[in-house]
């Protein structure tokens, strides 16, 4: 049971930091809010990818894509949005980080889900729909911030679900002993 709590810790840290940064965004300076909303959650979930299943090529590739997704989410906190100049380098870099976030998440979550069973596969497919919807569907300008917030919440929900399904995580696949057992040594 202690392992289960440990594996959920990065996900809880990521969500708590994102929630605190979002709630306190108006009360604290912009760079600190971005650090809490993006950099800390992205780094925590990048750390969490070390426990993802790696017992098949599909699971390994999915874990790498989820790592890239978490790092792209963290990168969003490094760039400022300039609404007066949408062609500014910082705004373009932020848009690139946002795009890399959901593009890497979609196949990564699906590959992890397919390699770990029907429950996570179904949750992954649903999460991909909600995470990708703000980018792929026409969303009214006034509802875009809400849709992006829902996408981030669904992303965290997927991580919670994946962490809750800890027995499906391949602990032996990441250890030297598990590797030699699979290799027939």
N, C-alpha and C. Protein backbone atom coordinates (compact mmCIF):
# COMPACT_ATOMS: atom_id res chain seq x y z
N UNK A 1 0.82 -1.20 0.00
CA UNK A 1 0.00 0.00 0.00
C UNK A 1 0.85 1.26 0.00
N UNK A 2 2.03 1.17 0.59
CA UNK A 2 2.91 2.33 0.62
C UNK A 2 3.38 2.68 -0.79
N UNK A 3 3.65 1.66 -1.63
CA UNK A 3 4.05 1.92 -3.00
C UNK A 3 2.96 2.67 -3.76
N UNK A 4 1.69 2.29 -3.52
CA UNK A 4 0.59 2.95 -4.20
C UNK A 4 0.55 4.44 -3.84
N UNK A 5 0.72 4.77 -2.56
CA UNK A 5 0.72 6.17 -2.14
C UNK A 5 1.90 6.90 -2.76
N UNK A 6 3.05 6.24 -2.84
CA UNK A 6 4.23 6.89 -3.42
C UNK A 6 4.02 7.18 -4.89
N UNK A 7 3.40 6.25 -5.62
CA UNK A 7 3.18 6.46 -7.04
C UNK A 7 2.15 7.54 -7.31
N UNK A 8 1.22 7.75 -6.39
CA UNK A 8 0.23 8.80 -6.56
C UNK A 8 0.79 10.17 -6.15
N UNK A 9 1.89 10.21 -5.41
CA UNK A 9 2.42 11.47 -4.91
C UNK A 9 2.74 12.47 -6.03
N UNK A 10 3.46 12.10 -7.10
CA UNK A 10 3.74 13.10 -8.13
C UNK A 10 2.47 13.64 -8.78
N UNK A 11 1.46 12.79 -8.94
CA UNK A 11 0.21 13.24 -9.55
C UNK A 11 -0.51 14.21 -8.61
N UNK A 12 -0.55 13.89 -7.33
CA UNK A 12 -1.17 14.80 -6.36
C UNK A 12 -0.41 16.12 -6.27
N UNK A 13 0.91 16.06 -6.26
CA UNK A 13 1.72 17.27 -6.24
C UNK A 13 1.45 18.12 -7.47
N UNK A 14 1.39 17.48 -8.63
CA UNK A 14 1.15 18.21 -9.88
C UNK A 14 -0.21 18.90 -9.85
N UNK A 15 -1.23 18.17 -9.45
CA UNK A 15 -2.58 18.76 -9.42
C UNK A 15 -2.67 19.88 -8.39
N UNK A 16 -2.10 19.67 -7.20
CA UNK A 16 -2.15 20.70 -6.16
C UNK A 16 -1.43 21.97 -6.61
N UNK A 17 -0.29 21.82 -7.26
CA UNK A 17 0.44 23.00 -7.74
C UNK A 17 -0.35 23.72 -8.82
N UNK A 18 -0.93 22.95 -9.74
CA UNK A 18 -1.71 23.57 -10.80
C UNK A 18 -2.92 24.30 -10.23
N UNK A 19 -3.61 23.67 -9.30
CA UNK A 19 -4.79 24.28 -8.69
C UNK A 19 -4.41 25.54 -7.93
N UNK A 20 -3.34 25.48 -7.15
CA UNK A 20 -2.90 26.66 -6.40
C UNK A 20 -2.51 27.79 -7.34
N UNK A 21 -1.77 27.46 -8.38
CA UNK A 21 -1.37 28.50 -9.34
C UNK A 21 -2.55 29.10 -10.07
N UNK A 22 -3.54 28.29 -10.36
CA UNK A 22 -4.73 28.78 -11.06
C UNK A 22 -5.58 29.66 -10.15
N UNK A 23 -5.77 29.22 -8.92
CA UNK A 23 -6.60 29.98 -7.98
C UNK A 23 -5.92 31.29 -7.59
N UNK A 24 -4.62 31.25 -7.39
CA UNK A 24 -3.88 32.43 -6.94
C UNK A 24 -3.29 33.25 -8.07
N UNK A 25 -3.66 32.98 -9.30
CA UNK A 25 -3.06 33.65 -10.45
C UNK A 25 -3.15 35.17 -10.37
N UNK A 26 -4.24 35.70 -9.88
CA UNK A 26 -4.39 37.15 -9.79
C UNK A 26 -3.68 37.75 -8.60
N UNK A 27 -3.37 36.94 -7.58
CA UNK A 27 -2.78 37.47 -6.34
C UNK A 27 -1.26 37.39 -6.31
N UNK A 28 -0.68 36.57 -7.15
CA UNK A 28 0.79 36.45 -7.14
C UNK A 28 1.33 36.88 -8.50
N UNK A 29 2.60 37.27 -8.57
CA UNK A 29 3.16 37.71 -9.86
C UNK A 29 3.06 36.62 -10.92
N UNK A 30 2.95 37.04 -12.17
CA UNK A 30 2.78 36.13 -13.29
C UNK A 30 3.79 35.00 -13.38
N UNK A 31 5.09 35.27 -13.25
CA UNK A 31 6.05 34.18 -13.35
C UNK A 31 5.89 33.13 -12.24
N UNK A 32 5.52 33.55 -11.04
CA UNK A 32 5.30 32.58 -9.97
C UNK A 32 4.04 31.74 -10.23
N UNK A 33 3.01 32.38 -10.75
CA UNK A 33 1.80 31.65 -11.09
C UNK A 33 2.08 30.64 -12.21
N UNK A 34 2.86 31.04 -13.20
CA UNK A 34 3.21 30.12 -14.28
C UNK A 34 4.08 28.98 -13.78
N UNK A 35 4.94 29.27 -12.84
CA UNK A 35 5.76 28.21 -12.24
C UNK A 35 4.87 27.18 -11.56
N UNK A 36 3.88 27.66 -10.80
CA UNK A 36 2.97 26.75 -10.09
C UNK A 36 2.02 26.04 -11.04
N UNK A 37 1.53 26.75 -12.06
CA UNK A 37 0.54 26.16 -12.96
C UNK A 37 1.12 25.21 -13.99
N UNK A 38 2.35 25.45 -14.41
CA UNK A 38 2.88 24.66 -15.51
C UNK A 38 4.18 23.93 -15.19
N UNK A 39 5.16 24.64 -14.67
CA UNK A 39 6.49 24.04 -14.49
C UNK A 39 6.47 22.93 -13.44
N UNK A 40 5.92 23.21 -12.26
CA UNK A 40 5.90 22.19 -11.19
C UNK A 40 5.04 20.99 -11.60
N UNK A 41 3.82 21.17 -12.11
CA UNK A 41 3.05 19.98 -12.52
C UNK A 41 3.73 19.19 -13.64
N UNK A 42 4.28 19.89 -14.62
CA UNK A 42 4.95 19.18 -15.71
C UNK A 42 6.15 18.39 -15.23
N UNK A 43 6.95 18.99 -14.33
CA UNK A 43 8.11 18.29 -13.79
C UNK A 43 7.68 17.10 -12.94
N UNK A 44 6.63 17.27 -12.14
CA UNK A 44 6.16 16.17 -11.28
C UNK A 44 5.64 15.01 -12.13
N UNK A 45 4.92 15.30 -13.19
CA UNK A 45 4.40 14.22 -14.02
C UNK A 45 5.49 13.62 -14.90
N UNK A 46 6.50 14.41 -15.25
CA UNK A 46 7.66 13.83 -15.94
C UNK A 46 8.33 12.82 -15.02
N UNK A 47 8.41 13.15 -13.75
CA UNK A 47 8.97 12.24 -12.75
C UNK A 47 8.08 10.99 -12.62
N UNK A 48 6.78 11.17 -12.69
CA UNK A 48 5.85 10.05 -12.55
C UNK A 48 5.96 9.05 -13.70
N UNK A 49 6.43 9.50 -14.85
CA UNK A 49 6.53 8.58 -16.00
C UNK A 49 7.53 7.46 -15.75
N UNK A 50 8.40 7.60 -14.77
CA UNK A 50 9.38 6.55 -14.50
C UNK A 50 8.72 5.27 -14.05
N UNK A 51 7.48 5.34 -13.55
CA UNK A 51 6.77 4.16 -13.05
C UNK A 51 5.77 3.58 -14.06
N UNK A 52 5.71 4.16 -15.24
CA UNK A 52 4.77 3.63 -16.23
C UNK A 52 5.26 2.28 -16.75
N UNK A 53 4.33 1.49 -17.23
CA UNK A 53 4.65 0.16 -17.75
C UNK A 53 5.60 0.29 -18.93
N UNK A 54 6.58 -0.59 -18.94
CA UNK A 54 7.54 -0.63 -20.04
C UNK A 54 7.78 -2.07 -20.47
N UNK A 55 6.77 -2.91 -20.33
CA UNK A 55 6.95 -4.33 -20.60
C UNK A 55 6.69 -4.73 -22.04
N UNK A 56 6.40 -3.77 -22.89
CA UNK A 56 6.25 -4.04 -24.32
C UNK A 56 6.77 -2.83 -25.08
N UNK A 57 7.11 -3.00 -26.34
CA UNK A 57 7.56 -1.83 -27.12
C UNK A 57 6.51 -0.72 -27.15
N UNK A 58 5.23 -1.10 -27.26
CA UNK A 58 4.17 -0.08 -27.28
C UNK A 58 4.13 0.69 -25.96
N UNK A 59 4.28 0.00 -24.85
CA UNK A 59 4.26 0.66 -23.54
C UNK A 59 5.48 1.57 -23.38
N UNK A 60 6.63 1.14 -23.86
CA UNK A 60 7.83 1.99 -23.75
C UNK A 60 7.69 3.26 -24.57
N UNK A 61 7.20 3.12 -25.79
CA UNK A 61 7.00 4.31 -26.63
C UNK A 61 5.95 5.22 -26.01
N UNK A 62 4.89 4.65 -25.50
CA UNK A 62 3.86 5.44 -24.83
C UNK A 62 4.41 6.19 -23.63
N UNK A 63 5.28 5.54 -22.86
CA UNK A 63 5.89 6.22 -21.70
C UNK A 63 6.76 7.38 -22.15
N UNK A 64 7.51 7.20 -23.22
CA UNK A 64 8.33 8.30 -23.73
C UNK A 64 7.46 9.46 -24.20
N UNK A 65 6.38 9.15 -24.91
CA UNK A 65 5.49 10.22 -25.38
C UNK A 65 4.84 10.96 -24.21
N UNK A 66 4.49 10.23 -23.16
CA UNK A 66 3.92 10.88 -21.98
C UNK A 66 4.96 11.74 -21.27
N UNK A 67 6.22 11.32 -21.30
CA UNK A 67 7.30 12.16 -20.76
C UNK A 67 7.41 13.45 -21.56
N UNK A 68 7.39 13.35 -22.90
CA UNK A 68 7.44 14.55 -23.74
C UNK A 68 6.24 15.45 -23.49
N UNK A 69 5.07 14.85 -23.28
CA UNK A 69 3.87 15.63 -22.99
C UNK A 69 4.03 16.41 -21.69
N UNK A 70 4.54 15.75 -20.65
CA UNK A 70 4.74 16.42 -19.36
C UNK A 70 5.77 17.54 -19.48
N UNK A 71 6.84 17.30 -20.22
CA UNK A 71 7.86 18.34 -20.40
C UNK A 71 7.33 19.51 -21.22
N UNK A 72 6.49 19.23 -22.21
CA UNK A 72 5.88 20.31 -23.00
C UNK A 72 4.91 21.12 -22.13
N UNK A 73 4.19 20.44 -21.24
CA UNK A 73 3.31 21.16 -20.32
C UNK A 73 4.13 22.09 -19.44
N UNK A 74 5.27 21.60 -18.94
CA UNK A 74 6.15 22.43 -18.11
C UNK A 74 6.69 23.61 -18.91
N UNK A 75 6.99 23.40 -20.17
CA UNK A 75 7.55 24.47 -21.01
C UNK A 75 6.57 25.63 -21.19
N UNK A 76 5.28 25.37 -21.07
CA UNK A 76 4.31 26.45 -21.21
C UNK A 76 4.51 27.54 -20.17
N UNK A 77 5.05 27.18 -19.01
CA UNK A 77 5.28 28.16 -17.96
C UNK A 77 6.49 29.03 -18.21
N UNK A 78 7.27 28.71 -19.23
CA UNK A 78 8.48 29.48 -19.52
C UNK A 78 8.24 30.61 -20.52
N UNK A 79 7.08 30.63 -21.14
CA UNK A 79 6.78 31.61 -22.17
C UNK A 79 5.54 32.41 -21.80
N UNK A 80 5.56 33.68 -22.14
CA UNK A 80 4.44 34.57 -21.82
C UNK A 80 3.56 34.75 -23.05
N UNK A 81 2.28 34.86 -22.81
CA UNK A 81 1.31 35.13 -23.87
C UNK A 81 1.18 36.64 -24.01
N UNK A 82 1.40 37.12 -25.22
CA UNK A 82 1.27 38.55 -25.49
C UNK A 82 0.03 38.75 -26.37
N UNK A 83 -1.13 39.09 -25.75
CA UNK A 83 -2.36 39.22 -26.55
C UNK A 83 -2.31 40.38 -27.55
N UNK A 84 -1.43 41.36 -27.31
CA UNK A 84 -1.33 42.49 -28.23
C UNK A 84 -0.51 42.14 -29.48
N UNK A 85 0.35 41.12 -29.38
CA UNK A 85 1.18 40.73 -30.50
C UNK A 85 1.19 39.21 -30.63
N UNK A 86 0.19 38.67 -31.34
CA UNK A 86 0.12 37.22 -31.46
C UNK A 86 1.29 36.60 -32.23
N UNK A 87 2.05 37.42 -32.95
CA UNK A 87 3.19 36.90 -33.69
C UNK A 87 4.50 37.04 -32.93
N UNK A 88 4.43 37.46 -31.68
CA UNK A 88 5.65 37.58 -30.87
C UNK A 88 6.26 36.20 -30.66
N UNK A 89 7.57 36.17 -30.53
CA UNK A 89 8.29 34.90 -30.37
C UNK A 89 7.81 34.14 -29.14
N UNK A 90 7.55 34.84 -28.05
CA UNK A 90 7.11 34.18 -26.83
C UNK A 90 5.73 33.56 -27.00
N UNK A 91 4.83 34.24 -27.68
CA UNK A 91 3.49 33.72 -27.92
C UNK A 91 3.55 32.49 -28.82
N UNK A 92 4.40 32.54 -29.85
CA UNK A 92 4.55 31.39 -30.73
C UNK A 92 5.15 30.20 -30.00
N UNK A 93 6.12 30.45 -29.11
CA UNK A 93 6.73 29.37 -28.33
C UNK A 93 5.71 28.76 -27.37
N UNK A 94 4.86 29.58 -26.78
CA UNK A 94 3.81 29.08 -25.90
C UNK A 94 2.82 28.21 -26.69
N UNK A 95 2.43 28.67 -27.87
CA UNK A 95 1.53 27.88 -28.72
C UNK A 95 2.17 26.56 -29.12
N UNK A 96 3.46 26.59 -29.40
CA UNK A 96 4.17 25.36 -29.75
C UNK A 96 4.19 24.39 -28.57
N UNK A 97 4.46 24.89 -27.37
CA UNK A 97 4.48 24.03 -26.18
C UNK A 97 3.10 23.44 -25.93
N UNK A 98 2.04 24.24 -26.08
CA UNK A 98 0.68 23.73 -25.89
C UNK A 98 0.38 22.63 -26.91
N UNK A 99 0.77 22.87 -28.15
CA UNK A 99 0.51 21.88 -29.20
C UNK A 99 1.29 20.59 -28.96
N UNK A 100 2.54 20.72 -28.58
CA UNK A 100 3.34 19.52 -28.28
C UNK A 100 2.76 18.75 -27.10
N UNK A 101 2.19 19.49 -26.14
CA UNK A 101 1.59 18.85 -24.96
C UNK A 101 0.50 17.87 -25.37
N UNK A 102 -0.49 18.34 -26.14
CA UNK A 102 -1.60 17.46 -26.46
C UNK A 102 -1.25 16.48 -27.56
N UNK A 103 -0.36 16.85 -28.48
CA UNK A 103 0.02 15.92 -29.55
C UNK A 103 0.79 14.74 -28.97
N UNK A 104 1.65 14.97 -28.00
CA UNK A 104 2.39 13.86 -27.39
C UNK A 104 1.50 13.05 -26.45
N UNK A 105 0.56 13.71 -25.78
CA UNK A 105 -0.32 12.99 -24.86
C UNK A 105 -1.21 11.99 -25.58
N UNK A 106 -1.78 12.39 -26.70
CA UNK A 106 -2.77 11.54 -27.37
C UNK A 106 -2.23 10.15 -27.69
N UNK A 107 -1.15 10.02 -28.45
CA UNK A 107 -0.69 8.65 -28.73
C UNK A 107 -0.05 7.99 -27.50
N UNK A 108 0.57 8.78 -26.62
CA UNK A 108 1.19 8.20 -25.43
C UNK A 108 0.17 7.56 -24.51
N UNK A 109 -0.93 8.25 -24.27
CA UNK A 109 -1.98 7.69 -23.40
C UNK A 109 -2.64 6.48 -24.06
N UNK A 110 -2.88 6.57 -25.36
CA UNK A 110 -3.49 5.43 -26.05
C UNK A 110 -2.57 4.21 -26.04
N UNK A 111 -1.28 4.43 -26.25
CA UNK A 111 -0.34 3.30 -26.24
C UNK A 111 -0.22 2.69 -24.85
N UNK A 112 -0.17 3.52 -23.81
CA UNK A 112 -0.15 2.98 -22.45
C UNK A 112 -1.44 2.24 -22.16
N UNK A 113 -2.56 2.83 -22.55
CA UNK A 113 -3.85 2.19 -22.30
C UNK A 113 -3.99 0.86 -23.00
N UNK A 114 -3.61 0.81 -24.26
CA UNK A 114 -3.73 -0.44 -25.01
C UNK A 114 -2.79 -1.52 -24.47
N UNK A 115 -1.67 -1.10 -23.94
CA UNK A 115 -0.72 -2.10 -23.42
C UNK A 115 -1.07 -2.57 -22.01
N UNK A 116 -2.00 -1.86 -21.34
CA UNK A 116 -2.30 -2.20 -19.94
C UNK A 116 -3.73 -2.67 -19.71
N UNK A 117 -4.53 -2.86 -20.71
CA UNK A 117 -5.85 -3.42 -20.50
C UNK A 117 -6.99 -2.52 -20.91
N UNK A 118 -8.18 -3.11 -20.95
CA UNK A 118 -9.36 -2.40 -21.45
C UNK A 118 -9.76 -1.21 -20.60
N UNK A 119 -9.62 -1.30 -19.29
CA UNK A 119 -10.03 -0.19 -18.43
C UNK A 119 -9.25 1.08 -18.72
N UNK A 120 -7.94 0.97 -18.77
CA UNK A 120 -7.12 2.15 -19.06
C UNK A 120 -7.22 2.54 -20.53
N UNK A 121 -7.43 1.57 -21.41
CA UNK A 121 -7.58 1.90 -22.83
C UNK A 121 -8.82 2.75 -23.06
N UNK A 122 -9.93 2.40 -22.41
CA UNK A 122 -11.16 3.18 -22.55
C UNK A 122 -11.00 4.57 -21.94
N UNK A 123 -10.39 4.63 -20.76
CA UNK A 123 -10.15 5.93 -20.12
C UNK A 123 -9.21 6.78 -20.98
N UNK A 124 -8.24 6.15 -21.59
CA UNK A 124 -7.29 6.88 -22.45
C UNK A 124 -7.99 7.46 -23.67
N UNK A 125 -8.85 6.66 -24.30
CA UNK A 125 -9.57 7.14 -25.48
C UNK A 125 -10.46 8.33 -25.13
N UNK A 126 -11.15 8.24 -24.01
CA UNK A 126 -12.01 9.34 -23.57
C UNK A 126 -11.18 10.58 -23.23
N UNK A 127 -10.07 10.39 -22.55
CA UNK A 127 -9.20 11.51 -22.19
C UNK A 127 -8.65 12.19 -23.44
N UNK A 128 -8.26 11.41 -24.42
CA UNK A 128 -7.71 11.99 -25.65
C UNK A 128 -8.75 12.85 -26.35
N UNK A 129 -9.99 12.41 -26.37
CA UNK A 129 -11.05 13.21 -27.00
C UNK A 129 -11.17 14.57 -26.30
N UNK A 130 -11.21 14.57 -24.97
CA UNK A 130 -11.38 15.82 -24.24
C UNK A 130 -10.14 16.71 -24.28
N UNK A 131 -8.97 16.13 -24.27
CA UNK A 131 -7.74 16.93 -24.29
C UNK A 131 -7.54 17.55 -25.67
N UNK A 132 -7.86 16.81 -26.71
CA UNK A 132 -7.63 17.31 -28.07
C UNK A 132 -8.76 18.20 -28.60
N UNK A 133 -9.93 18.13 -27.98
CA UNK A 133 -11.09 18.87 -28.49
C UNK A 133 -10.85 20.38 -28.62
N UNK A 134 -10.25 21.07 -27.62
CA UNK A 134 -10.07 22.52 -27.80
C UNK A 134 -9.17 22.89 -28.97
N UNK A 135 -8.27 21.98 -29.34
CA UNK A 135 -7.36 22.28 -30.43
C UNK A 135 -7.93 21.88 -31.79
N UNK A 136 -8.76 20.85 -31.83
CA UNK A 136 -9.22 20.31 -33.10
C UNK A 136 -10.63 20.72 -33.49
N UNK A 137 -11.42 21.18 -32.54
CA UNK A 137 -12.79 21.58 -32.84
C UNK A 137 -12.94 23.09 -32.77
N UNK A 138 -13.86 23.64 -33.54
CA UNK A 138 -14.09 25.08 -33.43
C UNK A 138 -14.75 25.41 -32.09
N UNK A 139 -14.05 26.16 -31.28
CA UNK A 139 -14.55 26.56 -29.96
C UNK A 139 -14.73 28.07 -30.00
N UNK A 140 -15.89 28.57 -29.57
CA UNK A 140 -16.07 30.02 -29.54
C UNK A 140 -14.98 30.69 -28.70
N UNK A 141 -14.57 31.86 -29.13
CA UNK A 141 -13.46 32.56 -28.48
C UNK A 141 -13.67 32.73 -26.97
N UNK A 142 -14.87 33.03 -26.56
CA UNK A 142 -15.16 33.22 -25.14
C UNK A 142 -15.09 31.93 -24.33
N UNK A 143 -15.27 30.80 -24.99
CA UNK A 143 -15.27 29.51 -24.29
C UNK A 143 -13.93 28.79 -24.37
N UNK A 144 -12.95 29.38 -25.06
CA UNK A 144 -11.67 28.70 -25.25
C UNK A 144 -10.93 28.47 -23.94
N UNK A 145 -10.91 29.45 -23.06
CA UNK A 145 -10.22 29.29 -21.77
C UNK A 145 -10.88 28.18 -20.95
N UNK A 146 -12.21 28.12 -20.98
CA UNK A 146 -12.92 27.05 -20.27
C UNK A 146 -12.57 25.69 -20.87
N UNK A 147 -12.58 25.59 -22.19
CA UNK A 147 -12.27 24.32 -22.86
C UNK A 147 -10.85 23.87 -22.56
N UNK A 148 -9.91 24.82 -22.54
CA UNK A 148 -8.53 24.47 -22.21
C UNK A 148 -8.41 24.02 -20.76
N UNK A 149 -9.15 24.65 -19.86
CA UNK A 149 -9.15 24.23 -18.46
C UNK A 149 -9.70 22.83 -18.29
N UNK A 150 -10.76 22.52 -19.03
CA UNK A 150 -11.32 21.16 -18.99
C UNK A 150 -10.30 20.17 -19.53
N UNK A 151 -9.58 20.54 -20.59
CA UNK A 151 -8.56 19.65 -21.16
C UNK A 151 -7.48 19.34 -20.12
N UNK A 152 -7.04 20.34 -19.39
CA UNK A 152 -6.02 20.12 -18.36
C UNK A 152 -6.57 19.25 -17.23
N UNK A 153 -7.80 19.51 -16.80
CA UNK A 153 -8.41 18.69 -15.75
C UNK A 153 -8.54 17.23 -16.18
N UNK A 154 -8.92 17.01 -17.43
CA UNK A 154 -9.03 15.64 -17.93
C UNK A 154 -7.66 14.99 -18.00
N UNK A 155 -6.64 15.75 -18.34
CA UNK A 155 -5.27 15.24 -18.36
C UNK A 155 -4.87 14.75 -16.97
N UNK A 156 -5.15 15.57 -15.95
CA UNK A 156 -4.86 15.15 -14.58
C UNK A 156 -5.70 13.94 -14.18
N UNK A 157 -6.96 13.92 -14.61
CA UNK A 157 -7.81 12.77 -14.28
C UNK A 157 -7.24 11.50 -14.89
N UNK A 158 -6.71 11.56 -16.10
CA UNK A 158 -6.10 10.39 -16.70
C UNK A 158 -4.91 9.92 -15.86
N UNK A 159 -4.09 10.86 -15.40
CA UNK A 159 -2.94 10.49 -14.57
C UNK A 159 -3.40 9.86 -13.26
N UNK A 160 -4.46 10.40 -12.65
CA UNK A 160 -5.00 9.80 -11.41
C UNK A 160 -5.48 8.37 -11.68
N UNK A 161 -6.19 8.19 -12.78
CA UNK A 161 -6.70 6.86 -13.10
C UNK A 161 -5.55 5.89 -13.35
N UNK A 162 -4.53 6.34 -14.07
CA UNK A 162 -3.37 5.47 -14.34
C UNK A 162 -2.65 5.13 -13.04
N UNK A 163 -2.52 6.09 -12.13
CA UNK A 163 -1.86 5.83 -10.84
C UNK A 163 -2.71 4.92 -9.97
N UNK A 164 -4.03 5.04 -10.05
CA UNK A 164 -4.91 4.20 -9.25
C UNK A 164 -4.87 2.75 -9.72
N UNK A 165 -4.51 2.55 -10.96
CA UNK A 165 -4.41 1.20 -11.51
C UNK A 165 -3.00 0.66 -11.34
N UNK A 166 -2.42 0.93 -10.20
CA UNK A 166 -1.03 0.57 -9.92
C UNK A 166 -0.71 -0.89 -10.14
N UNK A 167 -1.57 -1.84 -9.78
CA UNK A 167 -1.20 -3.24 -10.02
C UNK A 167 -0.91 -3.51 -11.49
N UNK A 168 -1.48 -2.72 -12.40
CA UNK A 168 -1.20 -2.92 -13.82
C UNK A 168 0.14 -2.31 -14.20
N UNK A 169 0.72 -1.46 -13.33
CA UNK A 169 2.04 -0.92 -13.62
C UNK A 169 3.04 -2.05 -13.58
N UNK A 170 4.00 -2.01 -14.44
CA UNK A 170 5.00 -3.07 -14.51
C UNK A 170 6.20 -2.68 -13.66
N UNK A 171 6.18 -3.07 -12.41
CA UNK A 171 7.30 -2.75 -11.52
C UNK A 171 8.54 -3.52 -11.90
N UNK A 172 8.37 -4.77 -12.24
CA UNK A 172 9.53 -5.60 -12.56
C UNK A 172 10.20 -5.19 -13.85
N UNK A 173 9.46 -4.58 -14.76
CA UNK A 173 10.03 -4.21 -16.05
C UNK A 173 11.05 -3.11 -15.92
N UNK A 174 10.99 -2.31 -14.87
CA UNK A 174 11.94 -1.22 -14.74
C UNK A 174 13.11 -1.57 -13.84
N UNK A 175 13.10 -2.74 -13.26
CA UNK A 175 14.21 -3.13 -12.40
C UNK A 175 15.12 -4.11 -13.15
N UNK A 176 16.35 -4.18 -12.73
CA UNK A 176 17.31 -5.08 -13.37
C UNK A 176 16.87 -6.52 -13.21
N UNK A 177 16.32 -6.87 -12.05
CA UNK A 177 15.87 -8.23 -11.80
C UNK A 177 14.73 -8.59 -12.75
N UNK A 178 13.79 -7.69 -12.94
CA UNK A 178 12.67 -7.94 -13.85
C UNK A 178 13.14 -8.06 -15.29
N UNK A 179 14.10 -7.26 -15.67
CA UNK A 179 14.62 -7.29 -17.03
C UNK A 179 15.28 -8.65 -17.29
N UNK A 180 16.10 -9.12 -16.35
CA UNK A 180 16.78 -10.39 -16.58
C UNK A 180 15.77 -11.55 -16.56
N UNK A 181 14.69 -11.44 -15.80
CA UNK A 181 13.67 -12.47 -15.78
C UNK A 181 12.99 -12.55 -17.14
N UNK A 182 12.69 -11.42 -17.76
CA UNK A 182 12.05 -11.42 -19.06
C UNK A 182 13.00 -11.87 -20.16
N UNK A 183 14.29 -11.58 -20.00
CA UNK A 183 15.26 -11.93 -21.01
C UNK A 183 15.64 -13.41 -20.94
N UNK A 184 15.17 -14.11 -19.94
CA UNK A 184 15.42 -15.53 -19.81
C UNK A 184 16.75 -15.84 -19.13
N UNK A 185 17.32 -14.88 -18.42
CA UNK A 185 18.59 -15.10 -17.73
C UNK A 185 18.37 -15.58 -16.34
